[in-house]
Amino acid sequence: MRKLLEPLTVLTALNIFTLPVYAELGSDVPSDAQLLTERGQEAGSAGSGIFDIAAPPAGTVLRPVERIPRDKFGVVGPFPLQLQDLPALIFPDATLDERQKVLVY
């Protein structure tokens, strides 16, 4: 009887200590319907939602941007940034208005 009692005690103790771990694995998991509803809200429709990106106006021609040469990228003067620092941080074909919006005054 004593030989049977020891393994039974060990198994009972293991079950008691591991039961909370198994209970947490299945908790707070949304159902498929909840996930689909959440994804629908995130994606949005007709201008709502966090993933909506407005299409460019009709007739807009998209073109690739110019790259900053590797040996010039990130080479700037002391803080705060000045207009003359921006060629090392912003695409070379950015307009003056776009460059000025980056500066913090």
N, C-alpha and C. Protein backbone atom coordinates (compact mmCIF):
# COMPACT_ATOMS: atom_id res chain seq x y z
N MET A 1 0.82 -1.19 0.00
CA MET A 1 0.00 0.00 0.00
C MET A 1 0.87 1.26 0.00
N ARG A 2 1.97 1.21 0.76
CA ARG A 2 2.85 2.37 0.87
C ARG A 2 3.51 2.68 -0.48
N LYS A 3 3.87 1.64 -1.26
CA LYS A 3 4.48 1.85 -2.57
C LYS A 3 3.49 2.52 -3.53
N LEU A 4 2.25 2.25 -3.41
CA LEU A 4 1.24 2.86 -4.26
C LEU A 4 0.92 4.29 -3.82
N LEU A 5 1.02 4.55 -2.54
CA LEU A 5 0.70 5.87 -2.00
C LEU A 5 1.71 6.94 -2.43
N GLU A 6 2.98 6.60 -2.51
CA GLU A 6 4.01 7.57 -2.89
C GLU A 6 3.82 8.07 -4.33
N PRO A 7 3.70 7.20 -5.32
CA PRO A 7 3.49 7.71 -6.69
C PRO A 7 2.17 8.48 -6.82
N LEU A 8 1.15 8.05 -6.10
CA LEU A 8 -0.13 8.73 -6.15
C LEU A 8 0.00 10.15 -5.57
N THR A 9 0.77 10.30 -4.52
CA THR A 9 1.00 11.61 -3.91
C THR A 9 1.77 12.52 -4.89
N VAL A 10 2.77 11.96 -5.54
CA VAL A 10 3.57 12.73 -6.50
C VAL A 10 2.69 13.17 -7.67
N LEU A 11 1.90 12.28 -8.22
CA LEU A 11 1.02 12.61 -9.34
C LEU A 11 -0.02 13.66 -8.95
N THR A 12 -0.57 13.54 -7.75
CA THR A 12 -1.54 14.52 -7.28
C THR A 12 -0.89 15.89 -7.15
N ALA A 13 0.32 15.94 -6.61
CA ALA A 13 1.03 17.21 -6.46
C ALA A 13 1.33 17.82 -7.83
N LEU A 14 1.75 17.01 -8.78
CA LEU A 14 2.01 17.52 -10.13
C LEU A 14 0.76 18.08 -10.77
N ASN A 15 -0.35 17.41 -10.59
CA ASN A 15 -1.62 17.90 -11.15
C ASN A 15 -2.04 19.22 -10.52
N ILE A 16 -1.84 19.36 -9.23
CA ILE A 16 -2.22 20.58 -8.53
C ILE A 16 -1.37 21.75 -9.01
N PHE A 17 -0.07 21.52 -9.21
CA PHE A 17 0.81 22.61 -9.61
C PHE A 17 0.71 22.95 -11.10
N THR A 18 0.38 22.00 -11.94
CA THR A 18 0.33 22.27 -13.38
C THR A 18 -1.07 22.66 -13.85
N LEU A 19 -2.09 22.46 -13.07
CA LEU A 19 -3.45 22.80 -13.49
C LEU A 19 -3.63 24.29 -13.80
N PRO A 20 -3.08 25.23 -13.01
CA PRO A 20 -3.23 26.65 -13.36
C PRO A 20 -2.59 26.99 -14.71
N VAL A 21 -1.51 26.32 -15.06
CA VAL A 21 -0.85 26.58 -16.34
C VAL A 21 -1.77 26.22 -17.48
N TYR A 22 -2.41 25.09 -17.42
CA TYR A 22 -3.31 24.67 -18.48
C TYR A 22 -4.55 25.57 -18.54
N ALA A 23 -5.00 26.07 -17.41
CA ALA A 23 -6.17 26.94 -17.39
C ALA A 23 -5.87 28.26 -18.11
N GLU A 24 -4.64 28.77 -18.01
CA GLU A 24 -4.29 30.03 -18.64
C GLU A 24 -4.10 29.90 -20.14
N LEU A 25 -3.75 28.73 -20.63
CA LEU A 25 -3.50 28.57 -22.05
C LEU A 25 -4.74 28.86 -22.89
N GLY A 26 -5.89 28.49 -22.44
CA GLY A 26 -7.10 28.67 -23.22
C GLY A 26 -7.86 29.94 -22.91
N SER A 27 -7.40 30.73 -21.97
CA SER A 27 -8.17 31.90 -21.59
C SER A 27 -7.84 33.08 -22.48
N ASP A 28 -8.77 33.98 -22.61
CA ASP A 28 -8.61 35.22 -23.35
C ASP A 28 -8.28 34.99 -24.83
N VAL A 29 -8.77 33.92 -25.40
CA VAL A 29 -8.58 33.65 -26.81
C VAL A 29 -9.90 33.96 -27.51
N PRO A 30 -9.91 34.96 -28.42
CA PRO A 30 -11.16 35.32 -29.07
C PRO A 30 -11.61 34.25 -30.05
N SER A 31 -12.90 34.20 -30.26
CA SER A 31 -13.45 33.24 -31.22
C SER A 31 -13.19 33.75 -32.64
N ASP A 32 -13.44 32.91 -33.63
CA ASP A 32 -13.26 33.31 -35.02
C ASP A 32 -14.17 34.48 -35.37
N ALA A 33 -15.38 34.46 -34.88
CA ALA A 33 -16.33 35.54 -35.17
C ALA A 33 -15.83 36.86 -34.58
N GLN A 34 -15.28 36.80 -33.35
CA GLN A 34 -14.75 38.02 -32.73
C GLN A 34 -13.55 38.55 -33.52
N LEU A 35 -12.67 37.65 -33.98
CA LEU A 35 -11.52 38.07 -34.76
C LEU A 35 -11.94 38.70 -36.08
N LEU A 36 -12.92 38.12 -36.76
CA LEU A 36 -13.40 38.68 -38.02
C LEU A 36 -14.02 40.05 -37.82
N THR A 37 -14.76 40.22 -36.74
CA THR A 37 -15.35 41.53 -36.44
C THR A 37 -14.26 42.56 -36.19
N GLU A 38 -13.25 42.18 -35.41
CA GLU A 38 -12.15 43.09 -35.10
C GLU A 38 -11.38 43.46 -36.37
N ARG A 39 -11.10 42.49 -37.21
CA ARG A 39 -10.37 42.78 -38.46
C ARG A 39 -11.20 43.68 -39.38
N GLY A 40 -12.51 43.50 -39.38
CA GLY A 40 -13.37 44.36 -40.19
C GLY A 40 -13.33 45.79 -39.72
N GLN A 41 -13.27 45.99 -38.40
CA GLN A 41 -13.18 47.35 -37.85
C GLN A 41 -11.83 47.97 -38.16
N GLU A 42 -10.78 47.17 -38.11
CA GLU A 42 -9.45 47.69 -38.40
C GLU A 42 -9.31 48.06 -39.87
N ALA A 43 -9.82 47.22 -40.73
CA ALA A 43 -9.69 47.47 -42.17
C ALA A 43 -10.58 48.62 -42.60
N GLY A 44 -11.74 48.73 -42.00
CA GLY A 44 -12.63 49.82 -42.32
C GLY A 44 -13.18 49.72 -43.73
N SER A 45 -13.98 50.67 -44.07
CA SER A 45 -14.52 50.73 -45.42
C SER A 45 -14.89 52.17 -45.72
N ALA A 46 -14.62 52.60 -46.91
CA ALA A 46 -14.99 53.93 -47.37
C ALA A 46 -14.47 55.04 -46.45
N GLY A 47 -13.18 54.98 -46.13
CA GLY A 47 -12.58 56.08 -45.37
C GLY A 47 -12.56 55.90 -43.87
N SER A 48 -12.96 54.75 -43.35
CA SER A 48 -12.89 54.55 -41.91
C SER A 48 -11.95 53.40 -41.61
N GLY A 49 -11.45 53.35 -40.43
CA GLY A 49 -10.56 52.26 -40.04
C GLY A 49 -9.11 52.71 -40.06
N ILE A 50 -8.26 51.91 -39.43
CA ILE A 50 -6.87 52.32 -39.29
C ILE A 50 -6.02 51.96 -40.50
N PHE A 51 -6.51 51.09 -41.40
CA PHE A 51 -5.72 50.68 -42.54
C PHE A 51 -6.16 51.34 -43.84
N ASP A 52 -7.11 52.25 -43.77
CA ASP A 52 -7.56 52.91 -45.00
C ASP A 52 -6.51 53.90 -45.48
N ILE A 53 -6.12 53.76 -46.71
CA ILE A 53 -5.19 54.69 -47.33
C ILE A 53 -5.90 55.26 -48.55
N ALA A 54 -5.98 56.56 -48.61
CA ALA A 54 -6.68 57.19 -49.71
C ALA A 54 -5.95 56.93 -51.02
N ALA A 55 -6.69 56.64 -52.05
CA ALA A 55 -6.12 56.44 -53.38
C ALA A 55 -5.70 57.80 -53.93
N PRO A 56 -4.63 57.83 -54.71
CA PRO A 56 -4.22 59.11 -55.29
C PRO A 56 -5.28 59.60 -56.27
N PRO A 57 -5.35 60.90 -56.47
CA PRO A 57 -6.34 61.44 -57.42
C PRO A 57 -6.13 60.84 -58.81
N ALA A 58 -7.20 60.79 -59.57
CA ALA A 58 -7.13 60.23 -60.92
C ALA A 58 -6.13 61.03 -61.75
N GLY A 59 -5.37 60.32 -62.53
CA GLY A 59 -4.39 60.96 -63.39
C GLY A 59 -3.05 61.20 -62.72
N THR A 60 -2.91 60.88 -61.45
CA THR A 60 -1.64 61.06 -60.76
C THR A 60 -0.64 60.04 -61.25
N VAL A 61 0.51 60.51 -61.64
CA VAL A 61 1.57 59.61 -62.10
C VAL A 61 2.52 59.37 -60.93
N LEU A 62 2.65 58.13 -60.53
CA LEU A 62 3.56 57.79 -59.44
C LEU A 62 4.93 57.51 -60.02
N ARG A 63 5.95 57.97 -59.34
CA ARG A 63 7.32 57.76 -59.80
C ARG A 63 8.18 57.37 -58.60
N PRO A 64 9.24 56.64 -58.85
CA PRO A 64 10.12 56.29 -57.72
C PRO A 64 10.88 57.52 -57.23
N VAL A 65 11.25 57.50 -55.96
CA VAL A 65 11.99 58.62 -55.39
C VAL A 65 13.48 58.45 -55.65
N GLU A 66 14.18 59.57 -55.59
CA GLU A 66 15.63 59.50 -55.69
C GLU A 66 16.19 59.05 -54.34
N ARG A 67 17.29 58.36 -54.38
CA ARG A 67 17.91 57.87 -53.16
C ARG A 67 18.99 58.83 -52.69
N ILE A 68 19.21 58.87 -51.40
CA ILE A 68 20.29 59.66 -50.82
C ILE A 68 21.56 58.81 -50.96
N PRO A 69 22.64 59.39 -51.46
CA PRO A 69 23.88 58.60 -51.55
C PRO A 69 24.29 58.08 -50.18
N ARG A 70 24.75 56.85 -50.16
CA ARG A 70 25.11 56.19 -48.90
C ARG A 70 26.15 56.98 -48.10
N ASP A 71 27.11 57.58 -48.77
CA ASP A 71 28.17 58.29 -48.05
C ASP A 71 27.70 59.63 -47.48
N LYS A 72 26.50 60.08 -47.86
CA LYS A 72 25.97 61.34 -47.34
C LYS A 72 24.81 61.14 -46.38
N PHE A 73 24.24 59.94 -46.35
CA PHE A 73 23.05 59.71 -45.52
C PHE A 73 23.36 59.88 -44.05
N GLY A 74 22.57 60.72 -43.37
CA GLY A 74 22.66 60.88 -41.92
C GLY A 74 23.76 61.80 -41.44
N VAL A 75 24.53 62.40 -42.33
CA VAL A 75 25.60 63.31 -41.92
C VAL A 75 24.99 64.70 -41.75
N VAL A 76 24.74 65.08 -40.50
CA VAL A 76 24.09 66.35 -40.20
C VAL A 76 24.90 67.13 -39.18
N GLY A 77 24.54 68.39 -39.02
CA GLY A 77 25.20 69.25 -38.04
C GLY A 77 24.61 69.04 -36.66
N PRO A 78 24.95 69.93 -35.71
CA PRO A 78 24.46 69.80 -34.34
C PRO A 78 22.95 70.07 -34.26
N PHE A 79 22.37 69.58 -33.18
CA PHE A 79 20.94 69.78 -32.92
C PHE A 79 20.68 71.25 -32.67
N PRO A 80 19.61 71.84 -33.06
CA PRO A 80 18.50 71.29 -33.84
C PRO A 80 18.84 71.28 -35.34
N LEU A 81 18.10 70.45 -36.06
CA LEU A 81 18.33 70.34 -37.49
C LEU A 81 18.06 71.66 -38.19
N GLN A 82 18.83 71.91 -39.20
CA GLN A 82 18.66 73.11 -40.03
C GLN A 82 18.30 72.66 -41.44
N LEU A 83 17.87 73.61 -42.24
CA LEU A 83 17.48 73.30 -43.62
C LEU A 83 18.64 72.67 -44.39
N GLN A 84 19.87 73.11 -44.13
CA GLN A 84 21.02 72.56 -44.85
C GLN A 84 21.33 71.12 -44.44
N ASP A 85 20.77 70.62 -43.32
CA ASP A 85 20.98 69.24 -42.90
C ASP A 85 20.07 68.26 -43.63
N LEU A 86 18.98 68.74 -44.14
CA LEU A 86 17.95 67.85 -44.68
C LEU A 86 18.34 67.06 -45.93
N PRO A 87 19.23 67.54 -46.78
CA PRO A 87 19.61 66.69 -47.92
C PRO A 87 20.20 65.34 -47.50
N ALA A 88 20.71 65.25 -46.28
CA ALA A 88 21.27 63.99 -45.79
C ALA A 88 20.21 63.10 -45.14
N LEU A 89 18.98 63.60 -45.02
CA LEU A 89 17.94 62.83 -44.34
C LEU A 89 16.70 62.60 -45.19
N ILE A 90 16.42 63.49 -46.11
CA ILE A 90 15.18 63.45 -46.88
C ILE A 90 15.51 63.19 -48.34
N PHE A 91 14.61 62.54 -49.04
CA PHE A 91 14.82 62.26 -50.45
C PHE A 91 15.21 63.52 -51.20
N PRO A 92 16.20 63.45 -52.08
CA PRO A 92 16.68 64.64 -52.79
C PRO A 92 15.62 65.37 -53.60
N ASP A 93 14.61 64.68 -54.08
CA ASP A 93 13.61 65.37 -54.91
C ASP A 93 12.44 65.90 -54.09
N ALA A 94 12.57 65.96 -52.77
CA ALA A 94 11.52 66.54 -51.92
C ALA A 94 11.46 68.04 -52.17
N THR A 95 10.26 68.58 -52.13
CA THR A 95 10.09 70.02 -52.35
C THR A 95 10.52 70.79 -51.11
N LEU A 96 10.70 72.10 -51.28
CA LEU A 96 11.08 72.95 -50.15
C LEU A 96 10.01 72.92 -49.06
N ASP A 97 8.75 72.90 -49.46
CA ASP A 97 7.65 72.83 -48.50
C ASP A 97 7.71 71.53 -47.69
N GLU A 98 7.98 70.41 -48.36
CA GLU A 98 8.10 69.12 -47.65
C GLU A 98 9.28 69.14 -46.69
N ARG A 99 10.37 69.75 -47.09
CA ARG A 99 11.55 69.81 -46.22
C ARG A 99 11.27 70.67 -44.99
N GLN A 100 10.59 71.79 -45.17
CA GLN A 100 10.32 72.68 -44.04
C GLN A 100 9.36 72.05 -43.05
N LYS A 101 8.49 71.17 -43.50
CA LYS A 101 7.56 70.50 -42.58
C LYS A 101 8.28 69.55 -41.63
N VAL A 102 9.46 69.10 -42.01
CA VAL A 102 10.22 68.18 -41.17
C VAL A 102 10.88 68.91 -40.02
N LEU A 103 11.27 70.16 -40.26
CA LEU A 103 11.96 70.93 -39.23
C LEU A 103 11.02 71.29 -38.09
N VAL A 104 11.54 71.24 -36.87
CA VAL A 104 10.76 71.61 -35.68
C VAL A 104 11.21 73.00 -35.26
N TYR A 105 10.26 73.90 -35.18
CA TYR A 105 10.58 75.26 -34.79
C TYR A 105 10.03 75.55 -33.42
